[in-house]
């Protein structure tokens, strides 16, 4: 499994509230929801890094 790197993210209250509700609706943590949103956006735009054969 790849290592995860922490970083701070600042969101306005309304945006955070919306993300919290979305995450709860899909039974994810806020962090998990944001990871999923970012992953899907990267995949859709064709910017998702290619996996190294040893990682599969």
Protein backbone atom coordinates (compact mmCIF):
# COMPACT_ATOMS: atom_id res chain seq x y z
CA UNK A 1 0.00 0.00 0.00
CA UNK A 2 1.26 3.47 -0.80
CA UNK A 3 2.18 5.93 1.91
CA UNK A 4 -0.17 8.81 2.62
CA UNK A 5 1.02 12.33 3.19
CA UNK A 6 -0.88 14.73 5.44
CA UNK A 7 -1.56 18.36 4.59
CA UNK A 8 -3.80 21.13 5.88
CA UNK A 9 -6.90 22.13 3.91
CA UNK A 10 -8.91 25.23 4.66
CA UNK A 11 -12.57 25.29 3.64
CA UNK A 12 -15.29 27.79 4.34
CA UNK A 13 -17.94 26.57 6.75
CA UNK A 14 -20.68 26.06 4.14
CA UNK A 15 -18.40 23.95 1.92
CA UNK A 16 -17.23 21.83 4.84
CA UNK A 17 -20.83 21.29 5.97
CA UNK A 18 -21.78 20.14 2.45
CA UNK A 19 -18.81 17.74 2.30
CA UNK A 20 -19.64 16.37 5.76
CA UNK A 21 -23.23 15.68 4.72
CA UNK A 22 -22.15 14.10 1.41
CA UNK A 23 -19.64 11.90 3.24
CA UNK A 24 -22.26 10.81 5.78
CA UNK A 25 -24.75 10.02 2.99
CA UNK A 26 -22.16 7.68 1.42
CA UNK A 27 -20.93 6.20 4.74
CA UNK A 28 -17.43 7.69 4.38
CA UNK A 29 -15.31 9.91 6.55
CA UNK A 30 -14.75 13.46 5.32
CA UNK A 31 -11.16 12.50 4.52
CA UNK A 32 -12.31 9.42 2.63
CA UNK A 33 -14.87 11.46 0.70
CA UNK A 34 -12.29 14.06 -0.32
CA UNK A 35 -9.85 11.31 -1.39
CA UNK A 36 -12.61 9.74 -3.51
CA UNK A 37 -13.59 13.09 -5.10
CA UNK A 38 -9.97 13.86 -5.97
CA UNK A 39 -9.36 10.34 -7.32
CA UNK A 40 -12.48 10.50 -9.53
CA UNK A 41 -11.53 13.95 -10.86
CA UNK A 42 -8.02 12.73 -11.69
CA UNK A 43 -9.39 9.63 -13.39
CA UNK A 44 -11.95 11.61 -15.42
CA UNK A 45 -9.34 14.13 -16.60
CA UNK A 46 -6.83 11.43 -17.54
CA UNK A 47 -4.35 12.71 -14.97
CA UNK A 48 -4.32 9.69 -12.70
CA UNK A 49 -0.74 8.49 -12.28
CA UNK A 50 0.02 5.19 -13.99
CA UNK A 51 0.60 2.35 -11.52
CA UNK A 52 4.02 0.77 -11.50
CA UNK A 53 3.75 -2.94 -12.42
CA UNK A 54 5.13 -3.95 -8.99
CA UNK A 55 2.17 -2.19 -7.29
CA UNK A 56 -0.50 -4.35 -8.99
